[in-house]
Amino acid sequence: MKRNTFIGWTLAVAATLGLWSCSEQVNPVPDPESVSAAVQEAFAARYPGAANVTWSLRGEYAVASFTPAAATYAPAWGGSSNAWFENRNGAWNMTETDIDFASLPAAVREGFEASKYGDEALWSLTGDVDRLERRDVMLPTAEGSAVVVYVLEVRSAVSGGAVTTVELYFSPEGILVGEVADAEDDDYEGQLPQQPAAGISEWLQSHIVEKGGRVLEIDAEAGGTEVEAVLEGRKLELWFDKAQAWVYTRTDYYRRDLTGAIPSEILAALRSSEHYTTDEAIDEIEKVETNAVNGSRTWWKFELETRWDEVDVYVDQSGLLAGRPGLDPGQGGVEPSPDEVAAFIAQQYPGARIVGRDYDDGLLEVEILHENILKELLFNGRREWLRTEWELPASQLPAAVMAGIAAGGYVLDDDEADFVQSPSQSCYEVEVRKDYIEYKLRIDAQGTILEAVRD
């Protein structure tokens, strides 16, 4: 179960605590000799007629900031660009160009407006819109082919007056392929393309590229390699272990797929869940397919909006599942998790084991097993820790908490509660009732009610 009722409260304090991070040294005004002749030749060939050119060095890359000529890009864009080249050999890797919303392909505009971020009552565009081209790692470098995504930034005012921003990544077809909340401002350095290992490249070529799909991003990590791709109008997330063996694929589905694309027996099992109300309450749908090590299993995850929270319901051919199925991620031991997140967990929760991770609304959710308790940690796009929470029986609530609930005139309405830690404080979240009205309380260990939200 995922509980995001008080996510705004955690985002409000996120900026007060950062994790360990490092960045490349930037030299904004390099010596002329520092930018290699190979880079300057490659830049002139790729962007003839570019104006207002300045250079900076970012680690092994030479970065050109410039205004593209109308002959190179559509005049309607009219924005500035940053192009990244490998300084040692002049190989082009990535270009970011500022554009406006009206210049987006119609499919991207329509995809945005159809997404939950298109709800003007909840989200608004900040005006930051970028066209991001990256070298296609599935083709020879010499071809200079590009994979294009469009990045839109939106802002939301959430409970408590806190404001968060989310970067939305869309494919040219209008598929939402990525969300990053409160992303680090690094000029997309974290989006530089990575070349896949030979075994992974071969698998992707036969299973994605040759079927008409496109690989969008490769992210090699300590435990394996994560790949994002699009195929047949859907976003795919794939995981390969350290031995370059495919482990699983997660495929996004949509509410429109409830008719025809999702097996009827899967839908029948979903609709038998105690958490199901209507199809309109289905927020997200994901299909998971696994390798032989994991029994070649296939299951579905449905995220449902309920009275209080978002609830994940898992279904396979046998019917409803008790919870998220176990997954052996192969050589590497754990599913991917950024190094700084793992370091934070090791320090704050000694002996904990990472058992899973997922992305939701641009936030990284990491599940750990700590002291035999399953806990969920939430991080934003800068890898700042927002909160940790875990369930406990209401019978284990401290006496002071029970006394505070009673003193407020409330009675418990659920036999479970949540304990929540954040950078600013720790508290309990409980569902209660008062005068036949349902509430959700945040209450600290001393019994002080911090917030009451009416259903």
Protein backbone atom coordinates (compact mmCIF):
# COMPACT_ATOMS: atom_id res chain seq x y z
CA MET A 1 0.00 0.00 0.00
CA LYS A 2 1.26 3.44 -0.88
CA ARG A 3 0.11 6.33 1.26
CA ASN A 4 0.59 9.79 -0.17
CA THR A 5 -2.04 11.77 1.74
CA PHE A 6 0.57 13.93 3.45
CA ILE A 7 3.14 14.07 0.67
CA GLY A 8 2.90 17.85 0.55
CA TRP A 9 4.02 18.04 4.17
CA THR A 10 7.18 16.06 3.39
CA LEU A 11 7.96 18.06 0.26
CA ALA A 12 7.75 21.26 2.24
CA VAL A 13 10.72 20.26 4.36
CA ALA A 14 12.73 18.36 1.74
CA ALA A 15 14.98 21.29 0.95
CA THR A 16 16.28 21.30 4.51
CA LEU A 17 18.14 18.03 4.10
CA GLY A 18 20.39 16.92 1.23
CA LEU A 19 22.20 13.67 0.61
CA TRP A 20 25.80 13.12 -0.29
CA SER A 21 26.43 14.20 -3.86
CA CYS A 22 29.21 15.31 -6.13
CA SER A 23 29.34 17.07 -9.48
CA GLU A 24 31.84 17.60 -12.21
CA GLN A 25 34.13 20.60 -12.00
CA VAL A 26 32.88 23.27 -14.42
CA ASN A 27 35.31 25.54 -16.22
CA PRO A 28 33.08 28.18 -17.86
CA VAL A 29 35.88 29.94 -19.77
CA PRO A 30 38.39 27.31 -20.92
CA ASP A 31 41.61 28.08 -22.71
CA PRO A 32 41.16 27.86 -26.51
CA GLU A 33 43.43 24.82 -26.54
CA SER A 34 41.22 23.07 -23.93
CA VAL A 35 38.43 22.51 -26.45
CA SER A 36 39.85 19.98 -28.86
CA ALA A 37 40.02 20.56 -32.58
CA ALA A 38 37.90 17.42 -33.02
CA VAL A 39 35.12 19.00 -30.98
CA GLN A 40 35.25 22.30 -32.82
CA GLU A 41 35.13 20.54 -36.18
CA ALA A 42 32.23 18.33 -35.08
CA PHE A 43 30.34 21.33 -33.74
CA ALA A 44 30.81 23.33 -36.96
CA ALA A 45 29.61 20.39 -39.03
CA ARG A 46 26.55 19.70 -36.88
CA TYR A 47 25.50 23.32 -36.27
CA PRO A 48 26.55 25.46 -39.22
CA GLY A 49 25.76 29.12 -38.78
CA ALA A 50 25.42 28.89 -34.98
CA ALA A 51 25.71 32.27 -33.23
CA ASN A 52 26.73 33.49 -29.77
CA VAL A 53 28.90 30.42 -29.19
CA THR A 54 30.61 30.01 -25.81
CA TRP A 55 32.34 26.95 -24.38
CA SER A 56 32.64 25.33 -20.97
CA LEU A 57 34.23 22.10 -19.79
CA ARG A 58 32.24 19.55 -17.77
CA GLY A 59 34.54 16.70 -16.85
CA GLU A 60 35.41 14.86 -20.05
CA TYR A 61 32.89 16.88 -22.06
CA ALA A 62 33.16 20.19 -23.91
CA VAL A 63 29.81 21.98 -23.82
CA ALA A 64 28.83 24.58 -26.39
CA SER A 65 26.17 27.14 -25.51
CA PHE A 66 24.81 28.82 -28.64
CA THR A 67 21.89 30.10 -30.65
CA PRO A 68 21.11 27.65 -33.47
CA ALA A 69 20.67 28.89 -37.00
CA ALA A 70 17.20 28.78 -38.53
CA ALA A 71 18.49 26.33 -41.11
CA THR A 72 19.41 23.88 -38.35
CA TYR A 73 16.29 24.08 -36.19
CA ALA A 74 12.75 25.29 -36.69
CA PRO A 75 12.67 29.10 -36.47
CA ALA A 76 9.64 28.90 -34.18
CA TRP A 77 11.82 27.44 -31.42
CA GLY A 78 14.07 30.46 -31.26
CA GLY A 79 15.71 29.32 -28.01
CA SER A 80 19.27 28.78 -26.90
CA SER A 81 20.98 25.39 -27.02
CA ASN A 82 23.64 23.45 -25.16
CA ALA A 83 25.49 20.69 -26.98
CA TRP A 84 27.74 18.12 -25.28
CA PHE A 85 30.77 16.62 -27.09
CA GLU A 86 33.40 14.19 -25.87
CA ASN A 87 36.49 16.37 -25.75
CA ARG A 88 38.91 13.56 -26.57
CA ASN A 89 37.37 12.59 -29.91
CA GLY A 90 34.67 15.13 -30.77
CA ALA A 91 31.82 12.63 -30.51
CA TRP A 92 28.47 14.39 -30.10
CA ASN A 93 26.34 13.05 -27.23
CA MET A 94 23.48 15.38 -26.40
CA THR A 95 21.83 18.72 -27.18
CA GLU A 96 19.22 20.60 -25.15
CA THR A 97 17.25 23.40 -26.83
CA ASP A 98 14.83 25.81 -25.16
CA ILE A 99 11.47 25.92 -26.93
CA ASP A 100 7.96 27.10 -26.09
CA PHE A 101 4.87 25.01 -25.50
CA ALA A 102 3.28 26.00 -28.79
CA SER A 103 6.30 24.61 -30.66
CA LEU A 104 5.83 21.11 -29.25
CA PRO A 105 4.58 18.40 -31.61
CA ALA A 106 0.81 18.11 -31.46
CA ALA A 107 1.08 14.57 -30.06
CA VAL A 108 3.18 15.81 -27.11
CA ARG A 109 0.75 18.63 -26.33
CA GLU A 110 -2.15 16.21 -26.49
CA GLY A 111 -0.31 13.66 -24.35
CA PHE A 112 0.38 16.28 -21.71
CA GLU A 113 -3.19 17.60 -21.70
CA ALA A 114 -4.55 14.03 -21.40
CA SER A 115 -2.27 13.21 -18.46
CA LYS A 116 -3.08 14.00 -14.85
CA TYR A 117 -0.61 16.89 -15.12
CA GLY A 118 -2.90 18.56 -17.62
CA ASP A 119 -5.42 19.23 -14.85
CA GLU A 120 -5.11 23.00 -14.46
CA ALA A 121 -6.73 22.85 -11.04
CA LEU A 122 -3.77 20.87 -9.72
CA TRP A 123 -0.82 21.65 -11.98
CA SER A 124 0.50 24.58 -14.00
CA LEU A 125 3.28 24.86 -16.56
CA THR A 126 6.27 26.86 -15.36
CA GLY A 127 7.19 27.87 -18.91
CA ASP A 128 10.34 25.71 -19.01
CA VAL A 129 10.07 23.47 -22.07
CA ASP A 130 13.09 21.75 -23.64
CA ARG A 131 13.80 19.54 -26.61
CA LEU A 132 16.42 16.98 -25.59
CA GLU A 133 18.34 15.07 -28.25
CA ARG A 134 20.64 12.24 -27.23
CA ARG A 135 22.91 10.00 -29.23
CA ASP A 136 21.15 6.77 -30.17
CA VAL A 137 23.23 4.14 -28.40
CA MET A 138 21.69 1.37 -30.50
CA LEU A 139 23.27 2.74 -33.69
CA PRO A 140 26.91 3.33 -34.64
CA THR A 141 28.22 6.55 -33.10
CA ALA A 142 29.41 7.80 -36.48
CA GLU A 143 25.83 8.05 -37.72
CA GLY A 144 25.11 10.77 -35.19
CA SER A 145 21.49 9.64 -34.93
CA ALA A 146 19.44 11.13 -32.12
CA VAL A 147 16.73 9.95 -29.75
CA VAL A 148 14.45 12.87 -28.94
CA VAL A 149 12.36 13.54 -25.84
CA TYR A 150 10.55 16.68 -24.76
CA VAL A 151 10.79 17.93 -21.19
CA LEU A 152 8.02 20.02 -19.65
CA GLU A 153 8.20 21.42 -16.13
CA VAL A 154 5.04 21.74 -14.06
CA ARG A 155 4.42 23.18 -10.62
CA SER A 156 1.85 22.14 -8.05
CA ALA A 157 0.62 23.76 -4.84
CA VAL A 158 -0.06 20.94 -2.42
CA SER A 159 -1.37 20.63 1.14
CA GLY A 160 0.25 22.94 3.63
CA GLY A 161 1.15 25.47 0.95
CA ALA A 162 4.27 23.58 -0.14
CA VAL A 163 5.18 23.76 -3.82
CA THR A 164 6.88 21.05 -5.81
CA THR A 165 8.00 20.92 -9.43
CA VAL A 166 8.04 17.88 -11.68
CA GLU A 167 9.95 17.41 -14.93
CA LEU A 168 7.86 15.42 -17.41
CA TYR A 169 9.59 13.53 -20.23
CA PHE A 170 7.51 12.81 -23.33
CA SER A 171 8.42 10.85 -26.45
CA PRO A 172 7.58 12.49 -29.81
CA GLU A 173 4.47 10.28 -29.93
CA GLY A 174 3.20 11.87 -26.70
CA ILE A 175 4.01 8.97 -24.37
CA LEU A 176 4.89 10.06 -20.83
CA VAL A 177 8.16 8.16 -20.33
CA GLY A 178 9.58 9.81 -17.22
CA GLU A 179 8.75 11.98 -14.21
CA VAL A 180 11.31 13.56 -11.88
CA ALA A 181 10.16 15.57 -8.86
CA ASP A 182 12.31 18.52 -7.74
CA ALA A 183 15.07 17.56 -10.17
CA GLU A 184 18.62 18.73 -9.69
CA ASP A 185 19.54 21.62 -12.02
CA ASP A 186 22.53 20.06 -13.77
CA ASP A 187 21.82 21.02 -17.41
CA TYR A 188 20.70 17.42 -17.99
CA GLU A 189 24.16 16.06 -17.25
CA GLY A 190 22.46 13.05 -15.68
CA GLN A 191 20.77 12.34 -19.02
CA LEU A 192 23.97 11.82 -21.01
CA PRO A 193 23.70 8.57 -22.98
CA GLN A 194 25.41 5.39 -21.81
CA GLN A 195 26.49 2.64 -24.17
CA PRO A 196 24.98 -0.74 -23.20
CA ALA A 197 27.15 -3.82 -22.75
CA ALA A 198 27.31 -6.11 -25.77
CA GLY A 199 24.94 -8.75 -24.41
CA ILE A 200 22.34 -6.18 -23.43
CA SER A 201 22.66 -4.40 -26.77
CA GLU A 202 22.06 -7.67 -28.62
CA TRP A 203 18.93 -8.40 -26.55
CA LEU A 204 17.54 -4.90 -27.05
CA GLN A 205 18.21 -5.05 -30.78
CA SER A 206 16.16 -8.22 -31.23
CA HIS A 207 13.40 -7.53 -28.69
CA ILE A 208 12.93 -3.78 -29.05
CA VAL A 209 14.58 -2.20 -32.10
CA GLU A 210 13.76 -4.91 -34.65
CA LYS A 211 10.12 -4.82 -33.49
CA GLY A 212 9.87 -1.11 -34.27
CA GLY A 213 10.61 0.16 -30.75
CA ARG A 214 13.19 2.64 -29.57
CA VAL A 215 15.61 2.64 -26.63
CA LEU A 216 15.41 5.93 -24.76
CA GLU A 217 17.84 5.58 -21.89
CA ILE A 218 20.47 3.22 -20.49
CA ASP A 219 21.43 3.47 -16.82
CA ALA A 220 24.24 1.12 -15.74
CA GLU A 221 24.33 0.81 -11.95
CA ALA A 222 26.24 -1.23 -9.39
CA GLY A 223 23.76 -4.11 -9.42
CA GLY A 224 22.93 -4.19 -13.12
CA THR A 225 21.49 -2.08 -15.93
CA GLU A 226 18.13 -0.35 -16.20
CA VAL A 227 16.72 0.46 -19.64
CA GLU A 228 13.79 2.66 -20.67
CA ALA A 229 12.22 2.09 -24.07
CA VAL A 230 9.01 2.58 -26.04
CA LEU A 231 7.36 -0.15 -28.05
CA GLU A 232 3.94 -0.27 -29.70
CA GLY A 233 2.90 3.00 -28.06
CA ARG A 234 3.87 1.98 -24.53
CA LYS A 235 6.64 2.78 -22.11
CA LEU A 236 8.82 -0.15 -21.02
CA GLU A 237 11.26 -0.39 -18.14
CA LEU A 238 13.68 -3.32 -18.31
CA TRP A 239 16.25 -4.68 -15.87
CA PHE A 240 19.39 -6.69 -16.72
CA ASP A 241 21.64 -8.23 -14.10
CA LYS A 242 25.42 -7.91 -13.87
CA ALA A 243 25.80 -10.91 -16.18
CA GLN A 244 23.84 -8.95 -18.85
CA ALA A 245 20.90 -11.34 -18.56
CA TRP A 246 17.37 -9.97 -18.93
CA VAL A 247 15.42 -10.23 -15.65
CA TYR A 248 12.12 -8.41 -16.10
CA THR A 249 10.11 -5.91 -18.12
CA ARG A 250 7.54 -3.49 -16.70
CA THR A 251 5.06 -2.17 -19.28
CA ASP A 252 2.71 0.76 -18.73
CA TYR A 253 -0.96 0.34 -19.56
CA TYR A 254 -3.76 2.86 -19.38
CA ARG A 255 -7.40 3.05 -18.37
CA ARG A 256 -8.38 2.92 -22.04
CA ASP A 257 -6.80 -0.57 -22.14
CA LEU A 258 -9.48 -1.93 -19.82
CA THR A 259 -11.41 -2.71 -22.97
CA GLY A 260 -9.60 -5.31 -25.04
CA ALA A 261 -5.91 -5.04 -24.09
CA ILE A 262 -6.06 -6.46 -20.56
CA PRO A 263 -7.25 -10.08 -20.16
CA SER A 264 -10.80 -10.40 -18.87
CA GLU A 265 -9.79 -12.79 -16.07
CA ILE A 266 -7.28 -10.22 -14.79
CA LEU A 267 -9.98 -7.54 -14.71
CA ALA A 268 -12.44 -9.89 -13.01
CA ALA A 269 -9.92 -10.57 -10.25
CA LEU A 270 -9.19 -6.85 -9.86
CA ARG A 271 -12.88 -6.00 -9.55
CA SER A 272 -13.25 -8.60 -6.78
CA SER A 273 -10.77 -6.69 -4.60
CA GLU A 274 -12.14 -4.99 -1.50
CA HIS A 275 -10.29 -1.84 -2.62
CA TYR A 276 -11.94 -1.65 -6.05
CA THR A 277 -14.83 0.79 -6.47
CA THR A 278 -15.06 1.87 -10.11
CA ASP A 279 -12.83 1.85 -13.19
CA GLU A 280 -12.49 5.62 -12.83
CA ALA A 281 -10.59 5.04 -9.57
CA ILE A 282 -7.83 3.15 -11.41
CA ASP A 283 -4.89 5.55 -11.53
CA GLU A 284 -2.04 3.49 -12.98
CA ILE A 285 -1.64 0.04 -14.54
CA GLU A 286 1.57 -1.93 -14.96
CA LYS A 287 2.29 -5.36 -16.43
CA VAL A 288 5.37 -7.21 -15.16
CA GLU A 289 6.98 -10.06 -17.10
CA THR A 290 9.88 -12.02 -15.63
CA ASN A 291 12.61 -14.46 -16.68
CA ALA A 292 12.90 -18.18 -16.01
CA VAL A 293 14.74 -17.60 -12.72
CA ASN A 294 11.55 -15.92 -11.52
CA GLY A 295 9.35 -18.66 -12.92
CA SER A 296 8.56 -16.79 -16.16
CA ARG A 297 5.73 -15.22 -14.20
CA THR A 298 3.50 -12.40 -15.39
CA TRP A 299 1.49 -10.24 -13.05
CA TRP A 300 -0.35 -6.93 -13.09
CA LYS A 301 -0.25 -4.01 -10.68
CA PHE A 302 -3.23 -1.66 -10.44
CA GLU A 303 -2.93 1.55 -8.45
CA LEU A 304 -6.34 2.47 -7.07
CA GLU A 305 -7.52 5.72 -5.55
CA THR A 306 -9.40 4.90 -2.36
CA ARG A 307 -11.09 6.97 0.32
CA TRP A 308 -7.83 7.82 2.03
CA ASP A 309 -4.90 6.55 0.06
CA GLU A 310 -3.54 5.04 -3.10
CA VAL A 311 -3.55 1.24 -2.86
CA ASP A 312 -1.60 -1.16 -5.07
CA VAL A 313 -3.52 -4.31 -6.02
CA TYR A 314 -1.59 -7.22 -7.58
CA VAL A 315 -3.23 -9.79 -9.84
CA ASP A 316 -2.05 -12.76 -11.91
CA GLN A 317 -3.77 -15.61 -13.75
CA SER A 318 -4.56 -17.29 -10.43
CA GLY A 319 -6.44 -14.26 -9.12
CA LEU A 320 -5.76 -11.67 -6.42
CA LEU A 321 -2.32 -11.76 -4.80
CA ALA A 322 -1.65 -11.01 -1.14
CA GLY A 323 0.96 -8.41 -2.02
CA ARG A 324 3.79 -7.55 -4.37
CA PRO A 325 5.31 -10.80 -5.73
CA GLY A 326 8.91 -11.50 -4.81
CA LEU A 327 11.45 -10.83 -7.53
CA ASP A 328 14.97 -12.21 -7.84
CA PRO A 329 16.91 -9.48 -9.69
CA GLY A 330 19.73 -11.86 -10.62
CA GLN A 331 23.45 -11.27 -10.20
CA GLY A 332 23.84 -8.11 -8.21
CA GLY A 333 21.54 -9.16 -5.40
CA VAL A 334 19.10 -6.23 -5.26
CA GLU A 335 17.02 -4.19 -7.63
CA PRO A 336 18.65 -0.95 -8.75
CA SER A 337 19.00 1.90 -6.28
CA PRO A 338 21.22 4.97 -6.66
CA ASP A 339 24.46 4.76 -4.69
CA GLU A 340 23.74 7.83 -2.56
CA VAL A 341 20.35 6.41 -1.60
CA ALA A 342 21.97 3.12 -0.58
CA ALA A 343 24.52 5.05 1.49
CA PHE A 344 21.75 6.95 3.25
CA ILE A 345 19.91 3.74 4.06
CA ALA A 346 23.07 2.07 5.37
CA GLN A 347 23.67 4.99 7.73
CA GLN A 348 20.11 5.59 8.91
CA TYR A 349 18.91 1.97 8.97
CA PRO A 350 21.95 -0.25 9.75
CA GLY A 351 21.53 -3.82 8.60
CA ALA A 352 18.59 -3.01 6.33
CA ARG A 353 18.18 -4.88 3.07
CA ILE A 354 16.78 -3.17 -0.02
CA VAL A 355 14.01 -5.38 -1.37
CA GLY A 356 12.45 -3.20 -4.06
CA ARG A 357 12.07 0.20 -5.61
CA ASP A 358 9.66 2.00 -7.89
CA TYR A 359 8.89 5.46 -9.24
CA ASP A 360 5.60 7.21 -8.64
CA ASP A 361 4.74 10.80 -9.54
CA GLY A 362 8.44 11.47 -10.13
CA LEU A 363 9.45 10.27 -6.67
CA LEU A 364 11.71 7.31 -5.94
CA GLU A 365 10.16 4.77 -3.56
CA VAL A 366 12.55 2.30 -1.95
CA GLU A 367 11.35 -0.64 0.13
CA ILE A 368 13.67 -2.00 2.81
CA LEU A 369 13.48 -4.80 5.35
CA HIS A 370 14.77 -3.37 8.63
CA GLU A 371 14.52 -5.15 11.97
CA ASN A 372 12.03 -7.54 10.32
CA ILE A 373 9.76 -4.61 9.41
CA LEU A 374 8.97 -3.64 5.81
CA LYS A 375 9.56 0.11 5.47
CA GLU A 376 9.08 2.46 2.53
CA LEU A 377 11.37 5.43 1.91
CA LEU A 378 10.57 8.33 -0.40
CA PHE A 379 13.19 10.43 -2.24
CA ASN A 380 12.83 13.31 -4.70
CA GLY A 381 14.74 13.87 -7.95
CA ARG A 382 17.73 15.33 -6.07
CA ARG A 383 17.88 12.11 -4.01
CA GLU A 384 16.80 14.08 -0.93
CA TRP A 385 15.06 11.93 1.64
CA LEU A 386 11.45 13.01 2.16
CA ARG A 387 10.02 10.42 4.51
CA THR A 388 10.01 6.84 5.76
CA GLU A 389 6.86 5.04 6.79
CA TRP A 390 5.75 1.63 7.94
CA GLU A 391 2.56 0.01 9.16
CA LEU A 392 1.93 -1.19 12.70
CA PRO A 393 -1.11 -2.61 14.51
CA ALA A 394 -3.19 0.05 16.21
CA SER A 395 -2.81 -2.01 19.38
CA GLN A 396 0.87 -0.98 19.42
CA LEU A 397 0.17 2.75 19.51
CA PRO A 398 1.73 4.39 22.60
CA ALA A 399 -0.56 5.16 25.52
CA ALA A 400 0.06 8.91 25.04
CA VAL A 401 -1.15 8.68 21.44
CA MET A 402 -4.30 6.82 22.45
CA ALA A 403 -4.91 9.39 25.15
CA GLY A 404 -4.47 12.25 22.66
CA ILE A 405 -6.95 10.64 20.28
CA ALA A 406 -9.51 10.23 23.06
CA ALA A 407 -8.92 13.77 24.37
CA GLY A 408 -9.76 15.12 20.91
CA GLY A 409 -13.06 13.27 20.95
CA TYR A 410 -11.98 10.73 18.31
CA VAL A 411 -12.22 6.94 18.22
CA LEU A 412 -10.08 4.63 16.09
CA ASP A 413 -11.65 3.59 12.81
CA ASP A 414 -8.99 1.13 11.65
CA ASP A 415 -6.96 -1.63 13.30
CA GLU A 416 -3.77 -0.45 11.56
CA ALA A 417 -1.76 2.77 11.72
CA ASP A 418 1.37 4.20 10.10
CA PHE A 419 4.53 5.52 11.70
CA VAL A 420 6.12 8.28 9.62
CA GLN A 421 9.60 9.78 9.88
CA SER A 422 10.67 12.92 8.03
CA PRO A 423 13.53 15.43 8.26
CA SER A 424 11.42 17.68 10.49
CA GLN A 425 9.57 15.27 12.80
CA SER A 426 8.14 11.82 13.41
CA CYS A 427 4.50 11.05 13.99
CA TYR A 428 1.72 8.52 13.69
CA GLU A 429 -1.00 8.58 11.03
CA VAL A 430 -4.29 7.05 12.14
CA GLU A 431 -7.79 6.80 10.76
CA VAL A 432 -10.44 7.89 13.26
CA ARG A 433 -14.08 8.85 13.57
CA LYS A 434 -15.78 11.69 15.44
CA ASP A 435 -19.50 12.40 15.48
CA TYR A 436 -19.97 9.95 12.59
CA ILE A 437 -17.41 11.86 10.49
CA GLU A 438 -14.20 10.19 9.33
CA TYR A 439 -10.81 11.87 9.74
CA LYS A 440 -7.15 11.08 9.30
CA LEU A 441 -4.93 12.34 12.10
CA ARG A 442 -1.24 13.06 12.32
CA ILE A 443 -0.32 12.82 15.98
CA ASP A 444 3.10 12.83 17.66
CA ALA A 445 4.39 10.41 20.29
CA GLN A 446 3.36 12.81 23.08
CA GLY A 447 -0.27 12.72 21.94
CA THR A 448 -0.34 16.18 20.33
CA ILE A 449 -2.58 16.25 17.25
CA LEU A 450 -0.60 17.89 14.43
CA GLU A 451 -3.24 17.76 11.70
CA ALA A 452 -6.74 16.40 11.16
CA VAL A 453 -7.97 15.86 7.60
CA ARG A 454 -11.66 15.22 7.05
CA ASP A 455 -12.74 12.70 4.46
